[in-house]
Amino acid sequence: MGEFFKSTKFKVILFVIAAAAGFALFSASQAGHTIGSSQAISVILNPVKKFSNTVSGKVKNALDAVSNSEKYKDENEQLRKQIADLNERLVQYEDIKSELSDLKKFIGIKEEHPYFKFSSPCTIISRTANDPYGTFVIDKGTNNGISLYDPVVTDEGLVGIIYETADTYSTVRTILSPDLSVGALCVESRDTGIVEGNINYAESGKCKMIYVDKSNKIREGDLIITSGNSGQFPQGYIIGNVEETGIEESGLNAYAVIKPVVDVKEISSVIVITDFGEEGEKGEED
């Protein structure tokens, strides 16, 4: 303690106090009056008291944080749980919203094709990595009445066909695949052809209508639908619109580049047509 009173720090404190006292006395004398000893002491000590109160407040806050740390920890944990619960409810809400949207589309398709038999809405659960043709897997299989080569659609149009099945899931080959051929008809010109996938167009989400007669009247923007000639797909399902026409290198036939109405690489759900016999010939409605 003796060393403190000899230290420079103590001398500085004394100097500050003395300077404050001197300034107070000088100010009072300049104003033409004197001050009592108690008032002088008050003038001198007020800055010290103010400093002491500030320090005391900070110490109190620090002690409060330490003493109540467990309380604050519990409150923070409760808040985190509440936030997690709200996030989970939000996810559930979005799932229900999506399911209702799928059911609404499903009802629309059934009303448009009353004699068709459909699966319930199917969710896409995985996609084949690095596949330019957009092959994907759905969460319904043979247990749900799905069979090989059943057509796959949305409320907008044709998506592809089932080419692998299991009890609880199925794999879909899309219209971008060169391994899928669809009989096609141009609504405006009535020209026919075969729509197939093509590696040159698949990356941009397009396919090609081939074996088109050279004298065709297909034009850009025309609507292409399924012709139903092969019996593999129902007639009248929308495939897409014509973006380009031309003559094959062989010179024997014409072709048209088609932009499908369904973006098979972006959709999240589909419906499988399990029977499309006209007026219930191949099965009654679900």
C-alpha atoms as a PDB file:
ATOM      1  CA  MET A   1       0.000   0.000   0.000  1.00  0.00           C
ATOM      2  CA  GLY A   2       2.882   2.363   0.798  1.00  0.00           C
ATOM      3  CA  GLU A   3       4.222   1.917  -2.671  1.00  0.00           C
ATOM      4  CA  PHE A   4       0.883   3.112  -4.146  1.00  0.00           C
ATOM      5  CA  PHE A   5       1.079   6.465  -2.291  1.00  0.00           C
ATOM      6  CA  LYS A   6       4.582   6.901  -3.694  1.00  0.00           C
ATOM      7  CA  SER A   7       3.572   5.946  -7.206  1.00  0.00           C
ATOM      8  CA  THR A   8       3.079   8.250 -10.175  1.00  0.00           C
ATOM      9  CA  LYS A   9      -0.559   7.100 -10.480  1.00  0.00           C
ATOM     10  CA  PHE A  10      -1.352   8.400  -6.986  1.00  0.00           C
ATOM     11  CA  LYS A  11       0.343  11.709  -7.729  1.00  0.00           C
ATOM     12  CA  VAL A  12      -1.709  12.119 -10.885  1.00  0.00           C
ATOM     13  CA  ILE A  13      -4.927  11.490  -8.951  1.00  0.00           C
ATOM     14  CA  LEU A  14      -3.968  14.109  -6.349  1.00  0.00           C
ATOM     15  CA  PHE A  15      -3.142  16.556  -9.110  1.00  0.00           C
ATOM     16  CA  VAL A  16      -6.517  16.057 -10.767  1.00  0.00           C
ATOM     17  CA  ILE A  17      -8.372  16.523  -7.473  1.00  0.00           C
ATOM     18  CA  ALA A  18      -6.348  19.625  -6.628  1.00  0.00           C
ATOM     19  CA  ALA A  19      -6.890  21.070 -10.073  1.00  0.00           C
ATOM     20  CA  ALA A  20     -10.627  20.466  -9.814  1.00  0.00           C
ATOM     21  CA  ALA A  21     -10.739  22.145  -6.422  1.00  0.00           C
ATOM     22  CA  GLY A  22      -8.725  25.092  -7.616  1.00  0.00           C
ATOM     23  CA  PHE A  23     -10.918  25.546 -10.651  1.00  0.00           C
ATOM     24  CA  ALA A  24     -14.040  25.463  -8.481  1.00  0.00           C
ATOM     25  CA  LEU A  25     -12.671  28.071  -6.062  1.00  0.00           C
ATOM     26  CA  PHE A  26     -11.508  30.309  -8.874  1.00  0.00           C
ATOM     27  CA  SER A  27     -14.893  30.147 -10.555  1.00  0.00           C
ATOM     28  CA  ALA A  28     -16.643  31.019  -7.312  1.00  0.00           C
ATOM     29  CA  SER A  29     -14.370  33.992  -6.602  1.00  0.00           C
ATOM     30  CA  GLN A  30     -14.789  35.325 -10.098  1.00  0.00           C
ATOM     31  CA  ALA A  31     -18.552  35.270  -9.611  1.00  0.00           C
ATOM     32  CA  GLY A  32     -18.130  37.592  -6.598  1.00  0.00           C
ATOM     33  CA  HIS A  33     -19.035  35.270  -3.770  1.00  0.00           C
ATOM     34  CA  THR A  34     -17.437  32.720  -1.484  1.00  0.00           C
ATOM     35  CA  ILE A  35     -18.447  29.174  -0.827  1.00  0.00           C
ATOM     36  CA  GLY A  36     -18.679  27.238   2.380  1.00  0.00           C
ATOM     37  CA  SER A  37     -16.409  24.372   3.247  1.00  0.00           C
ATOM     38  CA  SER A  38     -19.181  21.791   2.769  1.00  0.00           C
ATOM     39  CA  GLN A  39     -20.086  23.253  -0.621  1.00  0.00           C
ATOM     40  CA  ALA A  40     -16.424  23.291  -1.623  1.00  0.00           C
ATOM     41  CA  ILE A  41     -16.042  19.667  -0.663  1.00  0.00           C
ATOM     42  CA  SER A  42     -19.162  18.860  -2.652  1.00  0.00           C
ATOM     43  CA  VAL A  43     -17.796  20.631  -5.695  1.00  0.00           C
ATOM     44  CA  ILE A  44     -14.548  18.733  -5.401  1.00  0.00           C
ATOM     45  CA  LEU A  45     -16.069  15.327  -4.786  1.00  0.00           C
ATOM     46  CA  ASN A  46     -18.904  15.423  -7.341  1.00  0.00           C
ATOM     47  CA  PRO A  47     -16.681  14.324 -10.266  1.00  0.00           C
ATOM     48  CA  VAL A  48     -15.237  11.579  -8.086  1.00  0.00           C
ATOM     49  CA  LYS A  49     -18.742  10.409  -7.099  1.00  0.00           C
ATOM     50  CA  LYS A  50     -19.845  10.418 -10.728  1.00  0.00           C
ATOM     51  CA  PHE A  51     -16.860   8.293 -11.707  1.00  0.00           C
ATOM     52  CA  SER A  52     -17.493   5.953  -8.774  1.00  0.00           C
ATOM     53  CA  ASN A  53     -21.153   5.504  -9.739  1.00  0.00           C
ATOM     54  CA  THR A  54     -20.217   4.662 -13.331  1.00  0.00           C
ATOM     55  CA  VAL A  55     -17.723   2.045 -12.196  1.00  0.00           C
ATOM     56  CA  SER A  56     -20.211   0.658  -9.692  1.00  0.00           C
ATOM     57  CA  GLY A  57     -22.864   0.317 -12.400  1.00  0.00           C
ATOM     58  CA  LYS A  58     -20.554  -1.591 -14.702  1.00  0.00           C
ATOM     59  CA  VAL A  59     -19.464  -3.887 -11.879  1.00  0.00           C
ATOM     60  CA  LYS A  60     -23.094  -4.534 -10.990  1.00  0.00           C
ATOM     61  CA  ASN A  61     -23.942  -5.449 -14.593  1.00  0.00           C
ATOM     62  CA  ALA A  62     -20.965  -7.788 -14.789  1.00  0.00           C
ATOM     63  CA  LEU A  63     -21.911  -9.484 -11.526  1.00  0.00           C
ATOM     64  CA  ASP A  64     -25.510  -9.823 -12.746  1.00  0.00           C
ATOM     65  CA  ALA A  65     -24.359 -11.533 -15.950  1.00  0.00           C
ATOM     66  CA  VAL A  66     -22.271 -13.979 -13.953  1.00  0.00           C
ATOM     67  CA  SER A  67     -24.863 -14.739 -11.282  1.00  0.00           C
ATOM     68  CA  ASN A  68     -27.689 -15.198 -13.810  1.00  0.00           C
ATOM     69  CA  SER A  69     -25.709 -17.014 -16.497  1.00  0.00           C
ATOM     70  CA  GLU A  70     -27.591 -20.281 -15.946  1.00  0.00           C
ATOM     71  CA  LYS A  71     -30.923 -18.468 -16.187  1.00  0.00           C
ATOM     72  CA  TYR A  72     -29.945 -16.789 -19.444  1.00  0.00           C
ATOM     73  CA  LYS A  73     -28.651 -20.118 -20.802  1.00  0.00           C
ATOM     74  CA  ASP A  74     -31.989 -21.793 -20.089  1.00  0.00           C
ATOM     75  CA  GLU A  75     -33.904 -18.924 -21.701  1.00  0.00           C
ATOM     76  CA  ASN A  76     -31.725 -19.119 -24.807  1.00  0.00           C
ATOM     77  CA  GLU A  77     -32.255 -22.882 -24.994  1.00  0.00           C
ATOM     78  CA  GLN A  78     -36.026 -22.386 -24.777  1.00  0.00           C
ATOM     79  CA  LEU A  79     -35.905 -19.781 -27.539  1.00  0.00           C
ATOM     80  CA  ARG A  80     -33.884 -22.133 -29.758  1.00  0.00           C
ATOM     81  CA  LYS A  81     -36.463 -24.891 -29.223  1.00  0.00           C
ATOM     82  CA  GLN A  82     -39.299 -22.515 -30.076  1.00  0.00           C
ATOM     83  CA  ILE A  83     -37.548 -21.459 -33.289  1.00  0.00           C
ATOM     84  CA  ALA A  84     -36.928 -25.116 -34.234  1.00  0.00           C
ATOM     85  CA  ASP A  85     -40.601 -25.914 -33.586  1.00  0.00           C
ATOM     86  CA  LEU A  86     -41.746 -22.996 -35.744  1.00  0.00           C
ATOM     87  CA  ASN A  87     -39.416 -24.057 -38.568  1.00  0.00           C
ATOM     88  CA  GLU A  88     -40.771 -27.622 -38.407  1.00  0.00           C
ATOM     89  CA  ARG A  89     -44.341 -26.334 -38.597  1.00  0.00           C
ATOM     90  CA  LEU A  90     -43.413 -24.190 -41.581  1.00  0.00           C
ATOM     91  CA  VAL A  91     -41.983 -27.233 -43.396  1.00  0.00           C
ATOM     92  CA  GLN A  92     -45.142 -29.217 -42.612  1.00  0.00           C
ATOM     93  CA  TYR A  93     -47.273 -26.370 -43.912  1.00  0.00           C
ATOM     94  CA  GLU A  94     -45.330 -26.236 -47.187  1.00  0.00           C
ATOM     95  CA  ASP A  95     -45.646 -30.030 -47.565  1.00  0.00           C
ATOM     96  CA  ILE A  96     -49.413 -29.889 -47.028  1.00  0.00           C
ATOM     97  CA  LYS A  97     -49.683 -26.968 -49.439  1.00  0.00           C
ATOM     98  CA  SER A  98     -47.762 -28.935 -52.087  1.00  0.00           C
ATOM     99  CA  GLU A  99     -49.904 -32.037 -51.534  1.00  0.00           C
ATOM    100  CA  LEU A 100     -53.108 -30.021 -51.926  1.00  0.00           C
ATOM    101  CA  SER A 101     -51.774 -28.520 -55.145  1.00  0.00           C
ATOM    102  CA  ASP A 102     -50.945 -31.999 -56.496  1.00  0.00           C
ATOM    103  CA  LEU A 103     -54.408 -33.290 -55.567  1.00  0.00           C
ATOM    104  CA  LYS A 104     -56.053 -30.338 -57.289  1.00  0.00           C
ATOM    105  CA  LYS A 105     -54.141 -31.098 -60.483  1.00  0.00           C
ATOM    106  CA  PHE A 106     -54.949 -34.793 -60.135  1.00  0.00           C
ATOM    107  CA  ILE A 107     -58.672 -34.051 -59.867  1.00  0.00           C
ATOM    108  CA  GLY A 108     -58.431 -31.841 -62.958  1.00  0.00           C
ATOM    109  CA  ILE A 109     -56.817 -34.640 -64.974  1.00  0.00           C
ATOM    110  CA  LYS A 110     -59.428 -37.183 -63.868  1.00  0.00           C
ATOM    111  CA  GLU A 111     -62.251 -34.830 -64.809  1.00  0.00           C
ATOM    112  CA  GLU A 112     -60.714 -34.284 -68.240  1.00  0.00           C
ATOM    113  CA  HIS A 113     -60.232 -38.046 -68.804  1.00  0.00           C
ATOM    114  CA  PRO A 114     -63.068 -39.728 -66.882  1.00  0.00           C
ATOM    115  CA  TYR A 115     -62.431 -43.203 -68.355  1.00  0.00           C
ATOM    116  CA  PHE A 116     -58.734 -43.314 -67.575  1.00  0.00           C
ATOM    117  CA  LYS A 117     -57.292 -45.014 -64.517  1.00  0.00           C
ATOM    118  CA  PHE A 118     -54.553 -43.133 -62.654  1.00  0.00           C
ATOM    119  CA  SER A 119     -52.167 -43.694 -59.822  1.00  0.00           C
ATOM    120  CA  SER A 120     -52.321 -41.299 -56.924  1.00  0.00           C
ATOM    121  CA  PRO A 121     -49.913 -38.336 -57.232  1.00  0.00           C
ATOM    122  CA  CYS A 122     -46.296 -39.561 -57.241  1.00  0.00           C
ATOM    123  CA  THR A 123     -43.389 -37.641 -55.740  1.00  0.00           C
ATOM    124  CA  ILE A 124     -39.997 -37.621 -57.455  1.00  0.00           C
ATOM    125  CA  ILE A 125     -37.586 -39.011 -54.858  1.00  0.00           C
ATOM    126  CA  SER A 126     -34.339 -39.082 -56.853  1.00  0.00           C
ATOM    127  CA  ARG A 127     -32.800 -38.265 -60.210  1.00  0.00           C
ATOM    128  CA  THR A 128     -30.119 -40.115 -62.163  1.00  0.00           C
ATOM    129  CA  ALA A 129     -26.848 -38.232 -61.748  1.00  0.00           C
ATOM    130  CA  ASN A 130     -25.295 -36.684 -64.865  1.00  0.00           C
ATOM    131  CA  ASP A 131     -28.150 -37.908 -67.047  1.00  0.00           C
ATOM    132  CA  PRO A 132     -28.896 -35.384 -69.839  1.00  0.00           C
ATOM    133  CA  TYR A 133     -32.290 -37.032 -70.416  1.00  0.00           C
ATOM    134  CA  GLY A 134     -33.674 -36.305 -66.938  1.00  0.00           C
ATOM    135  CA  THR A 135     -34.388 -39.875 -65.795  1.00  0.00           C
ATOM    136  CA  PHE A 136     -35.934 -39.965 -62.305  1.00  0.00           C
ATOM    137  CA  VAL A 137     -37.463 -42.260 -59.667  1.00  0.00           C
ATOM    138  CA  ILE A 138     -40.952 -41.885 -58.145  1.00  0.00           C
ATOM    139  CA  ASP A 139     -42.281 -43.107 -54.807  1.00  0.00           C
ATOM    140  CA  LYS A 140     -44.956 -45.447 -56.204  1.00  0.00           C
ATOM    141  CA  GLY A 141     -44.561 -48.956 -57.645  1.00  0.00           C
ATOM    142  CA  THR A 142     -46.341 -52.205 -58.365  1.00  0.00           C
ATOM    143  CA  ASN A 143     -48.021 -52.089 -54.954  1.00  0.00           C
ATOM    144  CA  ASN A 144     -49.809 -48.995 -56.262  1.00  0.00           C
ATOM    145  CA  GLY A 145     -50.949 -50.594 -59.519  1.00  0.00           C
ATOM    146  CA  ILE A 146     -48.084 -49.231 -61.648  1.00  0.00           C
ATOM    147  CA  SER A 147     -46.737 -51.431 -64.465  1.00  0.00           C
ATOM    148  CA  LEU A 148     -43.971 -51.327 -67.042  1.00  0.00           C
ATOM    149  CA  TYR A 149     -44.571 -48.928 -69.931  1.00  0.00           C
ATOM    150  CA  ASP A 150     -47.363 -47.007 -68.227  1.00  0.00           C
ATOM    151  CA  PRO A 151     -47.448 -43.382 -69.480  1.00  0.00           C
ATOM    152  CA  VAL A 152     -46.344 -40.662 -67.035  1.00  0.00           C
ATOM    153  CA  VAL A 153     -47.977 -37.221 -67.181  1.00  0.00           C
ATOM    154  CA  THR A 154     -48.721 -33.970 -65.369  1.00  0.00           C
ATOM    155  CA  ASP A 155     -51.705 -31.674 -65.758  1.00  0.00           C
ATOM    156  CA  GLU A 156     -49.709 -29.842 -68.453  1.00  0.00           C
ATOM    157  CA  GLY A 157     -48.785 -32.770 -70.678  1.00  0.00           C
ATOM    158  CA  LEU A 158     -46.696 -35.860 -71.352  1.00  0.00           C
ATOM    159  CA  VAL A 159     -43.583 -36.583 -69.263  1.00  0.00           C
ATOM    160  CA  GLY A 160     -42.435 -40.080 -70.272  1.00  0.00           C
ATOM    161  CA  ILE A 161     -42.963 -43.745 -69.497  1.00  0.00           C
ATOM    162  CA  ILE A 162     -42.316 -46.265 -66.715  1.00  0.00           C
ATOM    163  CA  TYR A 163     -39.395 -48.499 -67.673  1.00  0.00           C
ATOM    164  CA  GLU A 164     -38.404 -50.062 -64.350  1.00  0.00           C
ATOM    165  CA  THR A 165     -40.643 -51.062 -61.437  1.00  0.00           C
ATOM    166  CA  ALA A 166     -40.358 -52.324 -57.874  1.00  0.00           C
ATOM    167  CA  ASP A 167     -42.895 -52.791 -55.105  1.00  0.00           C
ATOM    168  CA  THR A 168     -42.631 -49.249 -53.750  1.00  0.00           C
ATOM    169  CA  TYR A 169     -40.908 -47.211 -56.458  1.00  0.00           C
ATOM    170  CA  SER A 170     -40.532 -46.898 -60.233  1.00  0.00           C
ATOM    171  CA  THR A 171     -38.087 -45.347 -62.692  1.00  0.00           C
ATOM    172  CA  VAL A 172     -39.307 -42.974 -65.389  1.00  0.00           C
ATOM    173  CA  ARG A 173     -37.742 -42.527 -68.823  1.00  0.00           C
ATOM    174  CA  THR A 174     -38.566 -39.040 -70.113  1.00  0.00           C
ATOM    175  CA  ILE A 175     -39.447 -37.776 -73.587  1.00  0.00           C
ATOM    176  CA  LEU A 176     -35.910 -36.362 -73.820  1.00  0.00           C
ATOM    177  CA  SER A 177     -34.524 -39.918 -74.057  1.00  0.00           C
ATOM    178  CA  PRO A 178     -33.559 -41.373 -77.467  1.00  0.00           C
ATOM    179  CA  ASP A 179     -34.818 -44.717 -76.125  1.00  0.00           C
ATOM    180  CA  LEU A 180     -38.420 -43.490 -76.071  1.00  0.00           C
ATOM    181  CA  SER A 181     -40.490 -43.023 -79.238  1.00  0.00           C
ATOM    182  CA  VAL A 182     -43.888 -41.315 -79.165  1.00  0.00           C
ATOM    183  CA  GLY A 183     -46.327 -41.174 -82.076  1.00  0.00           C
ATOM    184  CA  ALA A 184     -47.018 -37.466 -82.634  1.00  0.00           C
ATOM    185  CA  LEU A 185     -49.496 -35.244 -84.463  1.00  0.00           C
ATOM    186  CA  CYS A 186     -49.354 -31.546 -85.312  1.00  0.00           C
ATOM    187  CA  VAL A 187     -52.702 -30.017 -84.309  1.00  0.00           C
ATOM    188  CA  GLU A 188     -52.631 -27.229 -86.899  1.00  0.00           C
ATOM    189  CA  SER A 189     -51.371 -29.048 -90.012  1.00  0.00           C
ATOM    190  CA  ARG A 190     -52.358 -32.650 -89.075  1.00  0.00           C
ATOM    191  CA  ASP A 191     -48.873 -33.827 -90.106  1.00  0.00           C
ATOM    192  CA  THR A 192     -47.586 -36.833 -88.202  1.00  0.00           C
ATOM    193  CA  GLY A 193     -44.216 -38.132 -87.087  1.00  0.00           C
ATOM    194  CA  ILE A 194     -42.309 -39.715 -84.211  1.00  0.00           C
ATOM    195  CA  VAL A 195     -41.021 -37.694 -81.262  1.00  0.00           C
ATOM    196  CA  GLU A 196     -37.714 -38.970 -79.862  1.00  0.00           C
ATOM    197  CA  GLY A 197     -35.040 -37.611 -77.593  1.00  0.00           C
ATOM    198  CA  ASN A 198     -31.758 -36.458 -79.072  1.00  0.00           C
ATOM    199  CA  ILE A 199     -28.462 -35.851 -77.283  1.00  0.00           C
ATOM    200  CA  ASN A 200     -27.957 -32.656 -79.270  1.00  0.00           C
ATOM    201  CA  TYR A 201     -31.187 -31.184 -77.906  1.00  0.00           C
ATOM    202  CA  ALA A 202     -31.584 -32.856 -74.507  1.00  0.00           C
ATOM    203  CA  GLU A 203     -29.246 -30.501 -72.663  1.00  0.00           C
ATOM    204  CA  SER A 204     -31.527 -27.587 -73.575  1.00  0.00           C
ATOM    205  CA  GLY A 205     -34.639 -29.577 -72.630  1.00  0.00           C
ATOM    206  CA  LYS A 206     -35.833 -30.231 -76.196  1.00  0.00           C
ATOM    207  CA  CYS A 207     -36.605 -33.261 -78.355  1.00  0.00           C
ATOM    208  CA  LYS A 208     -37.049 -33.977 -82.060  1.00  0.00           C
ATOM    209  CA  MET A 209     -39.991 -34.980 -84.224  1.00  0.00           C
ATOM    210  CA  ILE A 210     -38.676 -37.207 -87.029  1.00  0.00           C
ATOM    211  CA  TYR A 211     -40.051 -39.071 -90.044  1.00  0.00           C
ATOM    212  CA  VAL A 212     -42.067 -36.028 -91.048  1.00  0.00           C
ATOM    213  CA  ASP A 213     -43.129 -35.816 -94.683  1.00  0.00           C
ATOM    214  CA  LYS A 214     -41.081 -33.328 -96.718  1.00  0.00           C
ATOM    215  CA  SER A 215     -44.259 -31.656 -97.948  1.00  0.00           C
ATOM    216  CA  ASN A 216     -45.460 -30.965 -94.383  1.00  0.00           C
ATOM    217  CA  LYS A 217     -47.015 -27.669 -93.345  1.00  0.00           C
ATOM    218  CA  ILE A 218     -45.690 -27.592 -89.785  1.00  0.00           C
ATOM    219  CA  ARG A 219     -44.756 -24.100 -88.632  1.00  0.00           C
ATOM    220  CA  GLU A 220     -42.923 -22.610 -85.661  1.00  0.00           C
ATOM    221  CA  GLY A 221     -45.219 -22.412 -82.625  1.00  0.00           C
ATOM    222  CA  ASP A 222     -47.520 -25.259 -83.734  1.00  0.00           C
ATOM    223  CA  LEU A 223     -48.793 -27.594 -81.007  1.00  0.00           C
ATOM    224  CA  ILE A 224     -47.679 -31.243 -81.042  1.00  0.00           C
ATOM    225  CA  ILE A 225     -49.786 -33.897 -79.283  1.00  0.00           C
ATOM    226  CA  THR A 226     -49.735 -37.683 -78.976  1.00  0.00           C
ATOM    227  CA  SER A 227     -51.345 -39.397 -81.965  1.00  0.00           C
ATOM    228  CA  GLY A 228     -52.239 -42.600 -80.127  1.00  0.00           C
ATOM    229  CA  ASN A 229     -51.291 -44.690 -83.174  1.00  0.00           C
ATOM    230  CA  SER A 230     -48.958 -47.044 -81.323  1.00  0.00           C
ATOM    231  CA  GLY A 231     -51.364 -47.784 -78.489  1.00  0.00           C
ATOM    232  CA  GLN A 232     -48.605 -47.048 -75.983  1.00  0.00           C
ATOM    233  CA  PHE A 233     -49.876 -43.552 -75.203  1.00  0.00           C
ATOM    234  CA  PRO A 234     -53.395 -42.149 -75.108  1.00  0.00           C
ATOM    235  CA  GLN A 235     -54.366 -39.853 -77.946  1.00  0.00           C
ATOM    236  CA  GLY A 236     -54.394 -36.103 -77.504  1.00  0.00           C
ATOM    237  CA  TYR A 237     -51.869 -35.595 -74.722  1.00  0.00           C
ATOM    238  CA  ILE A 238     -49.838 -32.430 -75.243  1.00  0.00           C
ATOM    239  CA  ILE A 239     -46.138 -32.948 -75.970  1.00  0.00           C
ATOM    240  CA  GLY A 240     -44.933 -29.440 -76.776  1.00  0.00           C
ATOM    241  CA  ASN A 241     -44.548 -26.671 -79.322  1.00  0.00           C
ATOM    242  CA  VAL A 242     -42.479 -26.465 -82.506  1.00  0.00           C
ATOM    243  CA  GLU A 243     -39.400 -24.259 -82.242  1.00  0.00           C
ATOM    244  CA  GLU A 244     -37.670 -25.106 -85.528  1.00  0.00           C
ATOM    245  CA  THR A 245     -38.219 -27.119 -88.707  1.00  0.00           C
ATOM    246  CA  GLY A 246     -35.831 -28.465 -91.353  1.00  0.00           C
ATOM    247  CA  ILE A 247     -34.859 -31.264 -93.727  1.00  0.00           C
ATOM    248  CA  GLU A 248     -32.760 -34.226 -92.584  1.00  0.00           C
ATOM    249  CA  GLU A 249     -29.241 -34.586 -94.038  1.00  0.00           C
ATOM    250  CA  SER A 250     -30.408 -37.623 -96.001  1.00  0.00           C
ATOM    251  CA  GLY A 251     -32.911 -35.392 -97.762  1.00  0.00           C
ATOM    252  CA  LEU A 252     -35.606 -38.045 -97.389  1.00  0.00           C
ATOM    253  CA  ASN A 253     -37.610 -36.572 -94.532  1.00  0.00           C
ATOM    254  CA  ALA A 254     -38.264 -33.368 -92.646  1.00  0.00           C
ATOM    255  CA  TYR A 255     -37.999 -32.824 -88.902  1.00  0.00           C
ATOM    256  CA  ALA A 256     -39.182 -30.419 -86.196  1.00  0.00           C
ATOM    257  CA  VAL A 257     -37.475 -29.440 -82.945  1.00  0.00           C
ATOM    258  CA  ILE A 258     -39.968 -29.591 -80.066  1.00  0.00           C
ATOM    259  CA  LYS A 259     -39.932 -27.732 -76.772  1.00  0.00           C
ATOM    260  CA  PRO A 260     -41.939 -29.897 -74.331  1.00  0.00           C
ATOM    261  CA  VAL A 261     -44.587 -28.113 -72.269  1.00  0.00           C
ATOM    262  CA  VAL A 262     -43.360 -30.029 -69.209  1.00  0.00           C
ATOM    263  CA  ASP A 263     -39.853 -29.254 -67.974  1.00  0.00           C
ATOM    264  CA  VAL A 264     -38.960 -32.804 -66.935  1.00  0.00           C
ATOM    265  CA  LYS A 265     -35.835 -31.651 -65.110  1.00  0.00           C
ATOM    266  CA  GLU A 266     -37.719 -29.277 -62.819  1.00  0.00           C
ATOM    267  CA  ILE A 267     -40.973 -31.045 -61.911  1.00  0.00           C
ATOM    268  CA  SER A 268     -41.400 -32.535 -58.424  1.00  0.00           C
ATOM    269  CA  SER A 269     -44.478 -34.729 -58.899  1.00  0.00           C
ATOM    270  CA  VAL A 270     -46.248 -36.691 -61.652  1.00  0.00           C
ATOM    271  CA  ILE A 271     -49.205 -39.023 -62.229  1.00  0.00           C
ATOM    272  CA  VAL A 272     -49.085 -42.442 -63.906  1.00  0.00           C
ATOM    273  CA  ILE A 273     -51.847 -43.536 -66.303  1.00  0.00           C
ATOM    274  CA  THR A 274     -52.405 -47.178 -65.425  1.00  0.00           C
ATOM    275  CA  ASP A 275     -55.213 -47.714 -67.969  1.00  0.00           C
ATOM    276  CA  PHE A 276     -56.518 -45.488 -70.759  1.00  0.00           C
ATOM    277  CA  GLY A 277     -59.119 -47.684 -72.430  1.00  0.00           C
ATOM    278  CA  GLU A 278     -61.888 -45.632 -74.070  1.00  0.00           C
ATOM    279  CA  GLU A 279     -65.126 -45.476 -72.106  1.00  0.00           C
ATOM    280  CA  GLY A 280     -63.954 -48.109 -69.613  1.00  0.00           C
ATOM    281  CA  GLU A 281     -63.198 -50.858 -72.116  1.00  0.00           C
ATOM    282  CA  LYS A 282     -59.947 -51.701 -70.309  1.00  0.00           C
ATOM    283  CA  GLY A 283     -61.048 -50.964 -66.806  1.00  0.00           C
ATOM    284  CA  GLU A 284     -63.419 -48.900 -64.735  1.00  0.00           C
ATOM    285  CA  GLU A 285     -62.577 -45.549 -63.276  1.00  0.00           C
ATOM    286  CA  ASP A 286     -60.988 -45.453 -59.812  1.00  0.00           C
END
